[in-house]
Amino acid sequence: MVKVSKMMLHYTLLFSVPIAGAYYFWDPKSDDEIRKDVETKVKPDLERRRKHQAKFAELLMPKHATSEETQKQLDQVTDFTPKHPGTRN
């Protein structure tokens, strides 16, 4: 017979019994089940959702609308052709 220390038995029971109980009673829910539960408690506001989606879509879209003054300044900075012959930019 193999001799097992009291401490080994104590820690085996101390940790394995609660873990086994947790696995036995644990019933995880899927994302769809959680979403259904939340939507039954809080009804979704479709108009508000559309506004939020439009807001974030607008933020994610690239902005090409630059003012004329800004565009002129950009053109001056990025223009590498000499404006006057014999001078540097």
Protein backbone atom coordinates (compact mmCIF):
# COMPACT_ATOMS: atom_id res chain seq x y z
CA MET A 1 0.00 0.00 0.00
CA VAL A 2 1.25 3.44 -0.93
CA LYS A 3 1.47 5.87 1.93
CA VAL A 4 -0.19 9.22 1.15
CA SER A 5 0.40 12.16 3.39
CA LYS A 6 -2.48 13.90 5.14
CA MET A 7 -1.55 17.17 3.50
CA MET A 8 -1.83 15.60 0.02
CA LEU A 9 -5.30 14.27 0.83
CA HIS A 10 -6.34 17.56 2.37
CA TYR A 11 -5.32 19.66 -0.66
CA THR A 12 -6.76 17.13 -3.11
CA LEU A 13 -10.14 17.34 -1.43
CA LEU A 14 -9.82 21.07 -0.82
CA PHE A 15 -9.38 21.88 -4.52
CA SER A 16 -10.89 18.98 -6.47
CA VAL A 17 -14.30 18.87 -4.79
CA PRO A 18 -15.18 22.57 -5.40
CA ILE A 19 -13.82 22.42 -8.95
CA ALA A 20 -15.80 19.26 -9.71
CA GLY A 21 -18.93 20.87 -8.27
CA ALA A 22 -18.41 24.00 -10.33
CA TYR A 23 -18.03 21.98 -13.54
CA TYR A 24 -21.11 19.93 -12.69
CA PHE A 25 -23.39 22.94 -12.11
CA TRP A 26 -21.81 25.40 -14.57
CA ASP A 27 -24.00 26.05 -17.60
CA PRO A 28 -22.38 28.64 -19.87
CA LYS A 29 -24.62 30.64 -22.19
CA SER A 30 -23.89 31.40 -25.81
CA ASP A 31 -23.72 34.96 -27.12
CA ASP A 32 -27.12 34.57 -28.79
CA GLU A 33 -28.74 33.46 -25.54
CA ILE A 34 -27.22 36.39 -23.67
CA ARG A 35 -28.35 38.81 -26.41
CA LYS A 36 -31.92 37.42 -26.27
CA ASP A 37 -31.99 37.74 -22.47
CA VAL A 38 -30.79 41.34 -22.60
CA GLU A 39 -33.21 42.29 -25.38
CA THR A 40 -36.15 40.84 -23.45
CA LYS A 41 -35.21 43.00 -20.46
CA VAL A 42 -34.30 46.12 -22.45
CA LYS A 43 -36.18 46.63 -25.68
CA PRO A 44 -33.86 47.80 -28.47
CA ASP A 45 -34.46 51.32 -29.75
CA LEU A 46 -34.05 50.94 -33.50
CA GLU A 47 -33.98 54.68 -34.23
CA ARG A 48 -31.22 55.26 -31.67
CA ARG A 49 -29.28 52.30 -33.04
CA ARG A 50 -29.50 53.73 -36.58
CA LYS A 51 -28.24 57.11 -35.35
CA HIS A 52 -25.28 55.50 -33.60
CA GLN A 53 -24.42 53.41 -36.65
CA ALA A 54 -24.62 56.47 -38.90
CA LYS A 55 -22.44 58.45 -36.48
CA PHE A 56 -19.72 55.81 -36.41
CA ALA A 57 -19.94 55.23 -40.16
CA GLU A 58 -19.41 58.96 -40.65
CA LEU A 59 -16.40 58.91 -38.32
CA LEU A 60 -14.86 55.95 -40.13
CA MET A 61 -15.27 57.41 -43.61
CA PRO A 62 -12.24 59.28 -44.95
CA LYS A 63 -12.68 63.01 -45.05
CA HIS A 64 -11.90 64.56 -48.41
CA ALA A 65 -13.55 67.86 -47.67
CA THR A 66 -10.73 70.35 -47.20
CA SER A 67 -11.21 74.07 -47.47
CA GLU A 68 -9.81 75.98 -50.43
CA GLU A 69 -7.32 77.81 -48.23
CA THR A 70 -6.03 74.56 -46.77
CA GLN A 71 -5.79 73.03 -50.23
CA LYS A 72 -3.76 76.05 -51.46
CA GLN A 73 -1.39 75.72 -48.51
CA LEU A 74 -0.97 72.02 -49.21
CA ASP A 75 -0.30 72.71 -52.87
CA GLN A 76 2.33 75.29 -51.95
CA VAL A 77 4.08 72.90 -49.59
CA THR A 78 3.94 69.90 -51.91
CA ASP A 79 4.72 71.78 -55.12
CA PHE A 80 8.29 70.91 -56.10
CA THR A 81 8.50 72.90 -59.33
CA PRO A 82 10.32 76.23 -59.17
CA LYS A 83 7.98 79.20 -59.29
CA HIS A 84 10.70 81.54 -60.55
CA PRO A 85 13.49 80.31 -62.79
CA GLY A 86 16.82 80.27 -61.03
CA THR A 87 15.42 80.36 -57.48
CA ARG A 88 14.92 77.61 -54.98
CA ASN A 89 11.63 76.71 -53.31
